[in-house]
Amino acid sequence: QLQASGGGLVQAGDTLRLSCAASGRSVGRGAMGWFRQAPGKEREFVAALNWSDGRTYYSDYSKGRFTISRDNARNTMYLQMNSLKPEDTAVYYCAARGNRVAVGSLGDLRVYDYWGQGTQVTVSS
């Protein structure tokens, strides 16, 4: 029910835009988010969007470089990534929650009900 796309191989300083298309009426109606997982590391929070009011939340490393947004008509979420660094290399996953959740929990991967298949982002130096 979630289809992520847009990953690729880029150089440091480049930009990428990831997309996450959601299917199903209730998918993502609470919140949607992006997480990433680098080899040998745990999956970590990147950014999230509270669907009811459109407020956005970022991790410390994504704030100022990444922008999460949505297109309600297309039921699609985006992650615009600017000034990419080699340490941004990871598989990026989109996630969604059907019901509302406390905004303080949006960075916790356990609150999300649906996950996309992941899209690889590789940033070369």
PDB file of N, CA and C in Angstrom:
ATOM      1  N   GLN A   1       0.805  -1.203   0.000  1.00  0.00           N
ATOM      2  CA  GLN A   1       0.000   0.000   0.000  1.00  0.00           C
ATOM      3  C   GLN A   1       0.845   1.264   0.000  1.00  0.00           C
ATOM      4  N   LEU A   2       2.147   1.118   0.160  1.00  0.00           N
ATOM      5  CA  LEU A   2       3.057   2.240   0.042  1.00  0.00           C
ATOM      6  C   LEU A   2       4.111   1.888  -0.987  1.00  0.00           C
ATOM      7  N   GLN A   3       4.336   2.790  -1.917  1.00  0.00           N
ATOM      8  CA  GLN A   3       5.316   2.556  -2.966  1.00  0.00           C
ATOM      9  C   GLN A   3       6.295   3.713  -2.978  1.00  0.00           C
ATOM     10  N   ALA A   4       7.528   3.430  -2.573  1.00  0.00           N
ATOM     11  CA  ALA A   4       8.576   4.447  -2.544  1.00  0.00           C
ATOM     12  C   ALA A   4       9.383   4.393  -3.837  1.00  0.00           C
ATOM     13  N   SER A   5       9.837   5.564  -4.261  1.00  0.00           N
ATOM     14  CA  SER A   5      10.652   5.645  -5.469  1.00  0.00           C
ATOM     15  C   SER A   5      11.492   6.910  -5.427  1.00  0.00           C
ATOM     16  N   GLY A   6      12.429   7.009  -6.365  1.00  0.00           N
ATOM     17  CA  GLY A   6      13.213   8.226  -6.498  1.00  0.00           C
ATOM     18  C   GLY A   6      14.651   8.129  -6.050  1.00  0.00           C
ATOM     19  N   GLY A   7      15.039   6.999  -5.481  1.00  0.00           N
ATOM     20  CA  GLY A   7      16.414   6.856  -5.046  1.00  0.00           C
ATOM     21  C   GLY A   7      17.374   6.753  -6.223  1.00  0.00           C
ATOM     22  N   GLY A   8      18.657   6.772  -5.910  1.00  0.00           N
ATOM     23  CA  GLY A   8      19.639   6.658  -6.961  1.00  0.00           C
ATOM     24  C   GLY A   8      21.041   6.930  -6.457  1.00  0.00           C
ATOM     25  N   LEU A   9      21.970   6.994  -7.395  1.00  0.00           N
ATOM     26  CA  LEU A   9      23.376   7.278  -7.101  1.00  0.00           C
ATOM     27  C   LEU A   9      23.675   8.722  -7.507  1.00  0.00           C
ATOM     28  N   VAL A  10      24.094   9.499  -6.533  1.00  0.00           N
ATOM     29  CA  VAL A  10      24.402  10.903  -6.787  1.00  0.00           C
ATOM     30  C   VAL A  10      25.736  11.252  -6.140  1.00  0.00           C
ATOM     31  N   GLN A  11      26.208  12.456  -6.442  1.00  0.00           N
ATOM     32  CA  GLN A  11      27.442  12.930  -5.833  1.00  0.00           C
ATOM     33  C   GLN A  11      27.124  13.833  -4.653  1.00  0.00           C
ATOM     34  N   ALA A  12      28.094  13.988  -3.798  1.00  0.00           N
ATOM     35  CA  ALA A  12      27.933  14.875  -2.648  1.00  0.00           C
ATOM     36  C   ALA A  12      27.553  16.274  -3.136  1.00  0.00           C
ATOM     37  N   GLY A  13      26.577  16.866  -2.464  1.00  0.00           N
ATOM     38  CA  GLY A  13      26.098  18.180  -2.841  1.00  0.00           C
ATOM     39  C   GLY A  13      24.899  18.170  -3.769  1.00  0.00           C
ATOM     40  N   ASP A  14      24.609  17.020  -4.346  1.00  0.00           N
ATOM     41  CA  ASP A  14      23.472  16.898  -5.272  1.00  0.00           C
ATOM     42  C   ASP A  14      22.146  16.851  -4.514  1.00  0.00           C
ATOM     43  N   THR A  15      21.084  16.814  -5.299  1.00  0.00           N
ATOM     44  CA  THR A  15      19.744  16.730  -4.722  1.00  0.00           C
ATOM     45  C   THR A  15      19.025  15.506  -5.253  1.00  0.00           C
ATOM     46  N   LEU A  16      18.053  15.044  -4.487  1.00  0.00           N
ATOM     47  CA  LEU A  16      17.156  13.968  -4.895  1.00  0.00           C
ATOM     48  C   LEU A  16      15.791  14.251  -4.302  1.00  0.00           C
ATOM     49  N   ARG A  17      14.769  13.786  -4.992  1.00  0.00           N
ATOM     50  CA  ARG A  17      13.429  13.843  -4.422  1.00  0.00           C
ATOM     51  C   ARG A  17      12.844  12.439  -4.408  1.00  0.00           C
ATOM     52  N   LEU A  18      12.520  11.987  -3.223  1.00  0.00           N
ATOM     53  CA  LEU A  18      11.879  10.696  -3.054  1.00  0.00           C
ATOM     54  C   LEU A  18      10.368  10.888  -3.033  1.00  0.00           C
ATOM     55  N   SER A  19       9.679   9.890  -3.541  1.00  0.00           N
ATOM     56  CA  SER A  19       8.220   9.906  -3.539  1.00  0.00           C
ATOM     57  C   SER A  19       7.702   8.671  -2.842  1.00  0.00           C
ATOM     58  N   CYS A  20       6.545   8.802  -2.240  1.00  0.00           N
ATOM     59  CA  CYS A  20       5.880   7.674  -1.594  1.00  0.00           C
ATOM     60  C   CYS A  20       4.397   7.773  -1.912  1.00  0.00           C
ATOM     61  N   ALA A  21       3.938   6.878  -2.753  1.00  0.00           N
ATOM     62  CA  ALA A  21       2.536   6.857  -3.147  1.00  0.00           C
ATOM     63  C   ALA A  21       1.785   5.886  -2.256  1.00  0.00           C
ATOM     64  N   ALA A  22       0.687   6.357  -1.694  1.00  0.00           N
ATOM     65  CA  ALA A  22      -0.118   5.538  -0.793  1.00  0.00           C
ATOM     66  C   ALA A  22      -1.420   5.138  -1.464  1.00  0.00           C
ATOM     67  N   SER A  23      -1.793   3.910  -1.291  1.00  0.00           N
ATOM     68  CA  SER A  23      -3.081   3.432  -1.794  1.00  0.00           C
ATOM     69  C   SER A  23      -3.905   2.918  -0.626  1.00  0.00           C
ATOM     70  N   GLY A  24      -5.203   3.118  -0.699  1.00  0.00           N
ATOM     71  CA  GLY A  24      -6.047   2.739   0.415  1.00  0.00           C
ATOM     72  C   GLY A  24      -6.529   3.977   1.132  1.00  0.00           C
ATOM     73  N   ARG A  25      -7.768   3.996   1.513  1.00  0.00           N
ATOM     74  CA  ARG A  25      -8.392   5.199   2.049  1.00  0.00           C
ATOM     75  C   ARG A  25      -7.805   5.631   3.382  1.00  0.00           C
ATOM     76  N   SER A  26      -7.470   4.676   4.233  1.00  0.00           N
ATOM     77  CA  SER A  26      -7.053   5.046   5.582  1.00  0.00           C
ATOM     78  C   SER A  26      -5.547   5.153   5.742  1.00  0.00           C
ATOM     79  N   VAL A  27      -4.806   4.712   4.714  1.00  0.00           N
ATOM     80  CA  VAL A  27      -3.354   4.725   4.836  1.00  0.00           C
ATOM     81  C   VAL A  27      -2.851   6.152   4.927  1.00  0.00           C
ATOM     82  N   GLY A  28      -2.094   6.429   5.956  1.00  0.00           N
ATOM     83  CA  GLY A  28      -1.471   7.731   6.078  1.00  0.00           C
ATOM     84  C   GLY A  28      -2.360   8.832   6.600  1.00  0.00           C
ATOM     85  N   ARG A  29      -3.588   8.518   6.997  1.00  0.00           N
ATOM     86  CA  ARG A  29      -4.483   9.586   7.446  1.00  0.00           C
ATOM     87  C   ARG A  29      -4.118  10.109   8.823  1.00  0.00           C
ATOM     88  N   GLY A  30      -3.263   9.419   9.528  1.00  0.00           N
ATOM     89  CA  GLY A  30      -2.756   9.932  10.792  1.00  0.00           C
ATOM     90  C   GLY A  30      -1.460  10.674  10.588  1.00  0.00           C
ATOM     91  N   ALA A  31      -0.517  10.009   9.992  1.00  0.00           N
ATOM     92  CA  ALA A  31       0.788  10.606   9.754  1.00  0.00           C
ATOM     93  C   ALA A  31       1.536   9.780   8.722  1.00  0.00           C
ATOM     94  N   MET A  32       2.507  10.432   8.102  1.00  0.00           N
ATOM     95  CA  MET A  32       3.416   9.725   7.206  1.00  0.00           C
ATOM     96  C   MET A  32       4.827  10.178   7.508  1.00  0.00           C
ATOM     97  N   GLY A  33       5.771   9.305   7.285  1.00  0.00           N
ATOM     98  CA  GLY A  33       7.136   9.655   7.623  1.00  0.00           C
ATOM     99  C   GLY A  33       8.150   8.948   6.762  1.00  0.00           C
ATOM    100  N   TRP A  34       9.374   9.397   6.888  1.00  0.00           N
ATOM    101  CA  TRP A  34      10.515   8.781   6.221  1.00  0.00           C
ATOM    102  C   TRP A  34      11.515   8.327   7.276  1.00  0.00           C
ATOM    103  N   PHE A  35      12.016   7.141   7.069  1.00  0.00           N
ATOM    104  CA  PHE A  35      13.081   6.590   7.890  1.00  0.00           C
ATOM    105  C   PHE A  35      14.181   6.121   6.956  1.00  0.00           C
ATOM    106  N   ARG A  36      15.349   5.881   7.496  1.00  0.00           N
ATOM    107  CA  ARG A  36      16.431   5.352   6.671  1.00  0.00           C
ATOM    108  C   ARG A  36      17.246   4.354   7.471  1.00  0.00           C
ATOM    109  N   GLN A  37      17.887   3.471   6.734  1.00  0.00           N
ATOM    110  CA  GLN A  37      18.707   2.457   7.371  1.00  0.00           C
ATOM    111  C   GLN A  37      19.972   2.253   6.556  1.00  0.00           C
ATOM    112  N   ALA A  38      21.087   2.552   7.172  1.00  0.00           N
ATOM    113  CA  ALA A  38      22.389   2.348   6.553  1.00  0.00           C
ATOM    114  C   ALA A  38      22.880   0.945   6.910  1.00  0.00           C
ATOM    115  N   PRO A  39      23.783   0.396   6.120  1.00  0.00           N
ATOM    116  CA  PRO A  39      24.286  -0.956   6.407  1.00  0.00           C
ATOM    117  C   PRO A  39      24.872  -1.062   7.809  1.00  0.00           C
ATOM    118  N   GLY A  40      24.422  -2.065   8.536  1.00  0.00           N
ATOM    119  CA  GLY A  40      24.933  -2.304   9.874  1.00  0.00           C
ATOM    120  C   GLY A  40      24.380  -1.391  10.943  1.00  0.00           C
ATOM    121  N   LYS A  41      23.435  -0.553  10.576  1.00  0.00           N
ATOM    122  CA  LYS A  41      22.854   0.385  11.546  1.00  0.00           C
ATOM    123  C   LYS A  41      21.355   0.161  11.685  1.00  0.00           C
ATOM    124  N   GLU A  42      20.819   0.702  12.760  1.00  0.00           N
ATOM    125  CA  GLU A  42      19.387   0.605  12.979  1.00  0.00           C
ATOM    126  C   GLU A  42      18.642   1.618  12.098  1.00  0.00           C
ATOM    127  N   ARG A  43      17.399   1.321  11.875  1.00  0.00           N
ATOM    128  CA  ARG A  43      16.562   2.246  11.113  1.00  0.00           C
ATOM    129  C   ARG A  43      16.332   3.502  11.954  1.00  0.00           C
ATOM    130  N   GLU A  44      16.493   4.662  11.327  1.00  0.00           N
ATOM    131  CA  GLU A  44      16.383   5.908  12.069  1.00  0.00           C
ATOM    132  C   GLU A  44      15.418   6.873  11.397  1.00  0.00           C
ATOM    133  N   PHE A  45      14.876   7.742  12.215  1.00  0.00           N
ATOM    134  CA  PHE A  45      13.901   8.726  11.772  1.00  0.00           C
ATOM    135  C   PHE A  45      14.553   9.817  10.937  1.00  0.00           C
ATOM    136  N   VAL A  46      13.864  10.200   9.858  1.00  0.00           N
ATOM    137  CA  VAL A  46      14.333  11.289   9.016  1.00  0.00           C
ATOM    138  C   VAL A  46      13.384  12.494   9.116  1.00  0.00           C
ATOM    139  N   ALA A  47      12.118  12.264   8.819  1.00  0.00           N
ATOM    140  CA  ALA A  47      11.141  13.352   8.829  1.00  0.00           C
ATOM    141  C   ALA A  47       9.743  12.759   8.862  1.00  0.00           C
ATOM    142  N   ALA A  48       8.785  13.558   9.325  1.00  0.00           N
ATOM    143  CA  ALA A  48       7.398  13.102   9.382  1.00  0.00           C
ATOM    144  C   ALA A  48       6.461  14.268   9.159  1.00  0.00           C
ATOM    145  N   LEU A  49       5.261  13.908   8.753  1.00  0.00           N
ATOM    146  CA  LEU A  49       4.248  14.911   8.465  1.00  0.00           C
ATOM    147  C   LEU A  49       2.941  14.470   9.114  1.00  0.00           C
ATOM    148  N   ASN A  50       2.390  15.346   9.936  1.00  0.00           N
ATOM    149  CA  ASN A  50       1.124  15.073  10.592  1.00  0.00           C
ATOM    150  C   ASN A  50       0.011  15.396   9.599  1.00  0.00           C
ATOM    151  N   TRP A  51      -0.734  14.386   9.212  1.00  0.00           N
ATOM    152  CA  TRP A  51      -1.650  14.578   8.094  1.00  0.00           C
ATOM    153  C   TRP A  51      -2.768  15.569   8.395  1.00  0.00           C
ATOM    154  N   SER A  52      -3.235  15.623   9.604  1.00  0.00           N
ATOM    155  CA  SER A  52      -4.412  16.451   9.917  1.00  0.00           C
ATOM    156  C   SER A  52      -4.127  17.934   9.778  1.00  0.00           C
ATOM    157  N   ASP A  53      -2.925  18.373  10.146  1.00  0.00           N
ATOM    158  CA  ASP A  53      -2.648  19.807  10.093  1.00  0.00           C
ATOM    159  C   ASP A  53      -1.463  20.169   9.227  1.00  0.00           C
ATOM    160  N   GLY A  54      -0.810  19.154   8.667  1.00  0.00           N
ATOM    161  CA  GLY A  54       0.296  19.417   7.759  1.00  0.00           C
ATOM    162  C   GLY A  54       1.596  19.799   8.426  1.00  0.00           C
ATOM    163  N   ARG A  55       1.637  19.758   9.745  1.00  0.00           N
ATOM    164  CA  ARG A  55       2.875  20.131  10.423  1.00  0.00           C
ATOM    165  C   ARG A  55       3.951  19.094  10.150  1.00  0.00           C
ATOM    166  N   THR A  56       5.170  19.563  10.079  1.00  0.00           N
ATOM    167  CA  THR A  56       6.288  18.694   9.737  1.00  0.00           C
ATOM    168  C   THR A  56       7.303  18.634  10.872  1.00  0.00           C
ATOM    169  N   TYR A  57       8.028  17.546  10.906  1.00  0.00           N
ATOM    170  CA  TYR A  57       8.998  17.294  11.960  1.00  0.00           C
ATOM    171  C   TYR A  57      10.234  16.658  11.335  1.00  0.00           C
ATOM    172  N   TYR A  58      11.396  17.043  11.846  1.00  0.00           N
ATOM    173  CA  TYR A  58      12.646  16.586  11.269  1.00  0.00           C
ATOM    174  C   TYR A  58      13.611  16.115  12.340  1.00  0.00           C
ATOM    175  N   SER A  59      14.503  15.232  11.920  1.00  0.00           N
ATOM    176  CA  SER A  59      15.603  14.867  12.798  1.00  0.00           C
ATOM    177  C   SER A  59      16.625  15.995  12.763  1.00  0.00           C
ATOM    178  N   ASP A  60      17.558  15.948  13.665  1.00  0.00           N
ATOM    179  CA  ASP A  60      18.567  17.009  13.720  1.00  0.00           C
ATOM    180  C   ASP A  60      19.400  17.063  12.446  1.00  0.00           C
ATOM    181  N   TYR A  61      19.674  15.910  11.852  1.00  0.00           N
ATOM    182  CA  TYR A  61      20.552  15.927  10.689  1.00  0.00           C
ATOM    183  C   TYR A  61      19.808  16.255   9.401  1.00  0.00           C
ATOM    184  N   SER A  62      18.486  16.103   9.392  1.00  0.00           N
ATOM    185  CA  SER A  62      17.742  16.404   8.167  1.00  0.00           C
ATOM    186  C   SER A  62      17.195  17.827   8.150  1.00  0.00           C
ATOM    187  N   LYS A  63      17.084  18.418   9.302  1.00  0.00           N
ATOM    188  CA  LYS A  63      16.531  19.769   9.388  1.00  0.00           C
ATOM    189  C   LYS A  63      17.408  20.750   8.625  1.00  0.00           C
ATOM    190  N   GLY A  64      16.781  21.527   7.760  1.00  0.00           N
ATOM    191  CA  GLY A  64      17.513  22.510   6.978  1.00  0.00           C
ATOM    192  C   GLY A  64      18.006  22.008   5.632  1.00  0.00           C
ATOM    193  N   ARG A  65      18.118  20.690   5.458  1.00  0.00           N
ATOM    194  CA  ARG A  65      18.549  20.125   4.171  1.00  0.00           C
ATOM    195  C   ARG A  65      17.427  19.370   3.483  1.00  0.00           C
ATOM    196  N   PHE A  66      16.579  18.735   4.261  1.00  0.00           N
ATOM    197  CA  PHE A  66      15.500  17.919   3.699  1.00  0.00           C
ATOM    198  C   PHE A  66      14.162  18.607   3.944  1.00  0.00           C
ATOM    199  N   THR A  67      13.242  18.383   3.025  1.00  0.00           N
ATOM    200  CA  THR A  67      11.898  18.930   3.171  1.00  0.00           C
ATOM    201  C   THR A  67      10.879  17.847   2.867  1.00  0.00           C
ATOM    202  N   ILE A  68       9.987  17.609   3.802  1.00  0.00           N
ATOM    203  CA  ILE A  68       8.916  16.647   3.594  1.00  0.00           C
ATOM    204  C   ILE A  68       7.659  17.409   3.187  1.00  0.00           C
ATOM    205  N   SER A  69       6.931  16.860   2.252  1.00  0.00           N
ATOM    206  CA  SER A  69       5.724  17.527   1.785  1.00  0.00           C
ATOM    207  C   SER A  69       4.732  16.472   1.303  1.00  0.00           C
ATOM    208  N   ARG A  70       3.555  16.935   0.935  1.00  0.00           N
ATOM    209  CA  ARG A  70       2.535  15.996   0.496  1.00  0.00           C
ATOM    210  C   ARG A  70       1.711  16.607  -0.626  1.00  0.00           C
ATOM    211  N   ASP A  71       1.096  15.728  -1.376  1.00  0.00           N
ATOM    212  CA  ASP A  71       0.119  16.118  -2.391  1.00  0.00           C
ATOM    213  C   ASP A  71      -1.145  15.353  -2.047  1.00  0.00           C
ATOM    214  N   ASN A  72      -2.106  16.052  -1.456  1.00  0.00           N
ATOM    215  CA  ASN A  72      -3.318  15.383  -0.991  1.00  0.00           C
ATOM    216  C   ASN A  72      -4.075  14.719  -2.142  1.00  0.00           C
ATOM    217  N   ALA A  73      -4.142  15.415  -3.259  1.00  0.00           N
ATOM    218  CA  ALA A  73      -4.921  14.902  -4.385  1.00  0.00           C
ATOM    219  C   ALA A  73      -4.347  13.581  -4.897  1.00  0.00           C
ATOM    220  N   ARG A  74      -3.046  13.449  -4.840  1.00  0.00           N
ATOM    221  CA  ARG A  74      -2.395  12.242  -5.332  1.00  0.00           C
ATOM    222  C   ARG A  74      -2.076  11.250  -4.222  1.00  0.00           C
ATOM    223  N   ASN A  75      -2.404  11.620  -2.978  1.00  0.00           N
ATOM    224  CA  ASN A  75      -2.102  10.762  -1.831  1.00  0.00           C
ATOM    225  C   ASN A  75      -0.635  10.350  -1.842  1.00  0.00           C
ATOM    226  N   THR A  76       0.208  11.323  -2.056  1.00  0.00           N
ATOM    227  CA  THR A  76       1.633  11.068  -2.202  1.00  0.00           C
ATOM    228  C   THR A  76       2.428  11.993  -1.293  1.00  0.00           C
ATOM    229  N   MET A  77       3.455  11.429  -0.728  1.00  0.00           N
ATOM    230  CA  MET A  77       4.371  12.181   0.125  1.00  0.00           C
ATOM    231  C   MET A  77       5.723  12.268  -0.574  1.00  0.00           C
ATOM    232  N   TYR A  78       6.439  13.351  -0.311  1.00  0.00           N
ATOM    233  CA  TYR A  78       7.731  13.558  -0.933  1.00  0.00           C
ATOM    234  C   TYR A  78       8.789  13.870   0.123  1.00  0.00           C
ATOM    235  N   LEU A  79      10.027  13.594  -0.237  1.00  0.00           N
ATOM    236  CA  LEU A  79      11.151  14.021   0.577  1.00  0.00           C
ATOM    237  C   LEU A  79      12.171  14.646  -0.373  1.00  0.00           C
ATOM    238  N   GLN A  80      12.271  15.954  -0.310  1.00  0.00           N
ATOM    239  CA  GLN A  80      13.265  16.675  -1.086  1.00  0.00           C
ATOM    240  C   GLN A  80      14.546  16.722  -0.279  1.00  0.00           C
ATOM    241  N   MET A  81      15.607  16.188  -0.854  1.00  0.00           N
ATOM    242  CA  MET A  81      16.873  16.114  -0.140  1.00  0.00           C
ATOM    243  C   MET A  81      17.900  16.959  -0.886  1.00  0.00           C
ATOM    244  N   ASN A  82      18.389  17.981  -0.220  1.00  0.00           N
ATOM    245  CA  ASN A  82      19.385  18.874  -0.806  1.00  0.00           C
ATOM    246  C   ASN A  82      20.724  18.699  -0.097  1.00  0.00           C
ATOM    247  N   SER A  83      21.764  19.153  -0.764  1.00  0.00           N
ATOM    248  CA  SER A  83      23.111  19.118  -0.175  1.00  0.00           C
ATOM    249  C   SER A  83      23.430  17.752   0.409  1.00  0.00           C
ATOM    250  N   LEU A  84      23.230  16.739  -0.379  1.00  0.00           N
ATOM    251  CA  LEU A  84      23.431  15.383   0.109  1.00  0.00           C
ATOM    252  C   LEU A  84      24.877  15.116   0.462  1.00  0.00           C
ATOM    253  N   LYS A  85      25.054  14.304   1.489  1.00  0.00           N
ATOM    254  CA  LYS A  85      26.368  13.948   1.991  1.00  0.00           C
ATOM    255  C   LYS A  85      26.561  12.441   1.898  1.00  0.00           C
ATOM    256  N   PRO A  86      27.792  11.973   1.855  1.00  0.00           N
ATOM    257  CA  PRO A  86      28.012  10.519   1.816  1.00  0.00           C
ATOM    258  C   PRO A  86      27.346   9.799   2.994  1.00  0.00           C
ATOM    259  N   GLU A  87      27.278  10.444   4.126  1.00  0.00           N
ATOM    260  CA  GLU A  87      26.651   9.808   5.298  1.00  0.00           C
ATOM    261  C   GLU A  87      25.132   9.702   5.178  1.00  0.00           C
ATOM    262  N   ASP A  88      24.563  10.288   4.132  1.00  0.00           N
ATOM    263  CA  ASP A  88      23.129  10.116   3.874  1.00  0.00           C
ATOM    264  C   ASP A  88      22.845   8.812   3.126  1.00  0.00           C
ATOM    265  N   THR A  89      23.890   8.114   2.742  1.00  0.00           N
ATOM    266  CA  THR A  89      23.708   6.845   2.032  1.00  0.00           C
ATOM    267  C   THR A  89      22.968   5.845   2.908  1.00  0.00           C
ATOM    268  N   ALA A  90      21.867   5.336   2.375  1.00  0.00           N
ATOM    269  CA  ALA A  90      21.022   4.408   3.131  1.00  0.00           C
ATOM    270  C   ALA A  90      19.862   3.975   2.255  1.00  0.00           C
ATOM    271  N   VAL A  91      19.140   2.989   2.734  1.00  0.00           N
ATOM    272  CA  VAL A  91      17.840   2.661   2.153  1.00  0.00           C
ATOM    273  C   VAL A  91      16.814   3.519   2.870  1.00  0.00           C
ATOM    274  N   TYR A  92      16.034   4.231   2.106  1.00  0.00           N
ATOM    275  CA  TYR A  92      15.024   5.125   2.664  1.00  0.00           C
ATOM    276  C   TYR A  92      13.654   4.464   2.566  1.00  0.00           C
ATOM    277  N   TYR A  93      12.968   4.455   3.687  1.00  0.00           N
ATOM    278  CA  TYR A  93      11.651   3.830   3.774  1.00  0.00           C
ATOM    279  C   TYR A  93      10.594   4.880   4.087  1.00  0.00           C
ATOM    280  N   CYS A  94       9.471   4.767   3.416  1.00  0.00           N
ATOM    281  CA  CYS A  94       8.345   5.591   3.820  1.00  0.00           C
ATOM    282  C   CYS A  94       7.417   4.757   4.690  1.00  0.00           C
ATOM    283  N   ALA A  95       6.740   5.423   5.581  1.00  0.00           N
ATOM    284  CA  ALA A  95       5.864   4.760   6.529  1.00  0.00           C
ATOM    285  C   ALA A  95       4.605   5.588   6.715  1.00  0.00           C
ATOM    286  N   ALA A  96       3.552   4.916   7.130  1.00  0.00           N
ATOM    287  CA  ALA A  96       2.288   5.609   7.304  1.00  0.00           C
ATOM    288  C   ALA A  96       1.518   5.032   8.481  1.00  0.00           C
ATOM    289  N   ARG A  97       0.696   5.894   9.030  1.00  0.00           N
ATOM    290  CA  ARG A  97      -0.160   5.482  10.128  1.00  0.00           C
ATOM    291  C   ARG A  97      -1.572   5.922   9.794  1.00  0.00           C
ATOM    292  N   GLY A  98      -2.518   5.033  10.017  1.00  0.00           N
ATOM    293  CA  GLY A  98      -3.897   5.319   9.655  1.00  0.00           C
ATOM    294  C   GLY A  98      -4.616   6.208  10.639  1.00  0.00           C
ATOM    295  N   ASN A  99      -4.229   6.187  11.895  1.00  0.00           N
ATOM    296  CA  ASN A  99      -4.914   6.964  12.922  1.00  0.00           C
ATOM    297  C   ASN A  99      -3.989   8.029  13.493  1.00  0.00           C
ATOM    298  N   ARG A 100      -4.584   8.994  14.142  1.00  0.00           N
ATOM    299  CA  ARG A 100      -3.798  10.070  14.734  1.00  0.00           C
ATOM    300  C   ARG A 100      -2.913   9.514  15.843  1.00  0.00           C
ATOM    301  N   VAL A 101      -1.798  10.183  16.038  1.00  0.00           N
ATOM    302  CA  VAL A 101      -0.866   9.814  17.089  1.00  0.00           C
ATOM    303  C   VAL A 101      -0.262  11.089  17.643  1.00  0.00           C
ATOM    304  N   ALA A 102       0.173  11.026  18.887  1.00  0.00           N
ATOM    305  CA  ALA A 102       0.809  12.192  19.490  1.00  0.00           C
ATOM    306  C   ALA A 102       2.034  12.585  18.666  1.00  0.00           C
ATOM    307  N   VAL A 103       2.177  13.872  18.418  1.00  0.00           N
ATOM    308  CA  VAL A 103       3.254  14.319  17.549  1.00  0.00           C
ATOM    309  C   VAL A 103       4.615  13.971  18.122  1.00  0.00           C
ATOM    310  N   GLY A 104       4.684  13.852  19.424  1.00  0.00           N
ATOM    311  CA  GLY A 104       5.947  13.476  20.037  1.00  0.00           C
ATOM    312  C   GLY A 104       6.373  12.069  19.710  1.00  0.00           C
ATOM    313  N   SER A 105       5.459  11.276  19.141  1.00  0.00           N
ATOM    314  CA  SER A 105       5.756   9.883  18.804  1.00  0.00           C
ATOM    315  C   SER A 105       6.098   9.688  17.343  1.00  0.00           C
ATOM    316  N   LEU A 106       6.043  10.731  16.554  1.00  0.00           N
ATOM    317  CA  LEU A 106       6.222  10.577  15.116  1.00  0.00           C
ATOM    318  C   LEU A 106       7.612  10.080  14.739  1.00  0.00           C
ATOM    319  N   GLY A 107       8.561  10.233  15.611  1.00  0.00           N
ATOM    320  CA  GLY A 107       9.900   9.760  15.317  1.00  0.00           C
ATOM    321  C   GLY A 107      10.123   8.308  15.705  1.00  0.00           C
ATOM    322  N   ASP A 108       9.107   7.687  16.262  1.00  0.00           N
ATOM    323  CA  ASP A 108       9.201   6.303  16.720  1.00  0.00           C
ATOM    324  C   ASP A 108       8.649   5.385  15.631  1.00  0.00           C
ATOM    325  N   LEU A 109       9.474   4.539  15.076  1.00  0.00           N
ATOM    326  CA  LEU A 109       9.030   3.697  13.965  1.00  0.00           C
ATOM    327  C   LEU A 109       7.929   2.730  14.393  1.00  0.00           C
ATOM    328  N   ARG A 110       7.794   2.481  15.671  1.00  0.00           N
ATOM    329  CA  ARG A 110       6.794   1.512  16.141  1.00  0.00           C
ATOM    330  C   ARG A 110       5.358   2.003  15.989  1.00  0.00           C
ATOM    331  N   VAL A 111       5.160   3.284  15.793  1.00  0.00           N
ATOM    332  CA  VAL A 111       3.786   3.789  15.705  1.00  0.00           C
ATOM    333  C   VAL A 111       3.222   3.684  14.288  1.00  0.00           C
ATOM    334  N   TYR A 112       4.052   3.332  13.344  1.00  0.00           N
ATOM    335  CA  TYR A 112       3.614   3.284  11.958  1.00  0.00           C
ATOM    336  C   TYR A 112       3.080   1.891  11.608  1.00  0.00           C
ATOM    337  N   ASP A 113       1.958   1.888  10.883  1.00  0.00           N
ATOM    338  CA  ASP A 113       1.281   0.643  10.537  1.00  0.00           C
ATOM    339  C   ASP A 113       1.712   0.076   9.195  1.00  0.00           C
ATOM    340  N   TYR A 114       2.109   0.945   8.303  1.00  0.00           N
ATOM    341  CA  TYR A 114       2.414   0.529   6.941  1.00  0.00           C
ATOM    342  C   TYR A 114       3.823   0.990   6.555  1.00  0.00           C
ATOM    343  N   TRP A 115       4.491   0.147   5.781  1.00  0.00           N
ATOM    344  CA  TRP A 115       5.840   0.463   5.337  1.00  0.00           C
ATOM    345  C   TRP A 115       5.976   0.185   3.847  1.00  0.00           C
ATOM    346  N   GLY A 116       6.714   1.067   3.184  1.00  0.00           N
ATOM    347  CA  GLY A 116       7.053   0.835   1.800  1.00  0.00           C
ATOM    348  C   GLY A 116       8.248  -0.096   1.693  1.00  0.00           C
ATOM    349  N   GLN A 117       8.630  -0.424   0.490  1.00  0.00           N
ATOM    350  CA  GLN A 117       9.667  -1.410   0.263  1.00  0.00           C
ATOM    351  C   GLN A 117      11.076  -0.824   0.364  1.00  0.00           C
ATOM    352  N   GLY A 118      11.207   0.484   0.412  1.00  0.00           N
ATOM    353  CA  GLY A 118      12.525   1.106   0.511  1.00  0.00           C
ATOM    354  C   GLY A 118      13.096   1.462  -0.836  1.00  0.00           C
ATOM    355  N   THR A 119      13.848   2.526  -0.864  1.00  0.00           N
ATOM    356  CA  THR A 119      14.531   2.948  -2.079  1.00  0.00           C
ATOM    357  C   THR A 119      15.956   3.355  -1.708  1.00  0.00           C
ATOM    358  N   GLN A 120      16.912   2.864  -2.465  1.00  0.00           N
ATOM    359  CA  GLN A 120      18.325   3.055  -2.135  1.00  0.00           C
ATOM    360  C   GLN A 120      18.794   4.438  -2.569  1.00  0.00           C
ATOM    361  N   VAL A 121      19.449   5.110  -1.642  1.00  0.00           N
ATOM    362  CA  VAL A 121      20.111   6.382  -1.934  1.00  0.00           C
ATOM    363  C   VAL A 121      21.595   6.197  -1.654  1.00  0.00           C
ATOM    364  N   THR A 122      22.417   6.453  -2.648  1.00  0.00           N
ATOM    365  CA  THR A 122      23.855   6.332  -2.498  1.00  0.00           C
ATOM    366  C   THR A 122      24.494   7.656  -2.888  1.00  0.00           C
ATOM    367  N   VAL A 123      25.258   8.215  -1.969  1.00  0.00           N
ATOM    368  CA  VAL A 123      25.910   9.499  -2.215  1.00  0.00           C
ATOM    369  C   VAL A 123      27.418   9.269  -2.228  1.00  0.00           C
ATOM    370  N   SER A 124      28.031   9.557  -3.344  1.00  0.00           N
ATOM    371  CA  SER A 124      29.468   9.375  -3.456  1.00  0.00           C
ATOM    372  C   SER A 124      30.193  10.675  -3.128  1.00  0.00           C
ATOM    373  N   SER A 125      31.394  10.540  -2.628  1.00  0.00           N
ATOM    374  CA  SER A 125      32.167  11.729  -2.228  1.00  0.00           C
ATOM    375  C   SER A 125      32.985  12.269  -3.384  1.00  0.00           C
TER     376      SER A 125
END
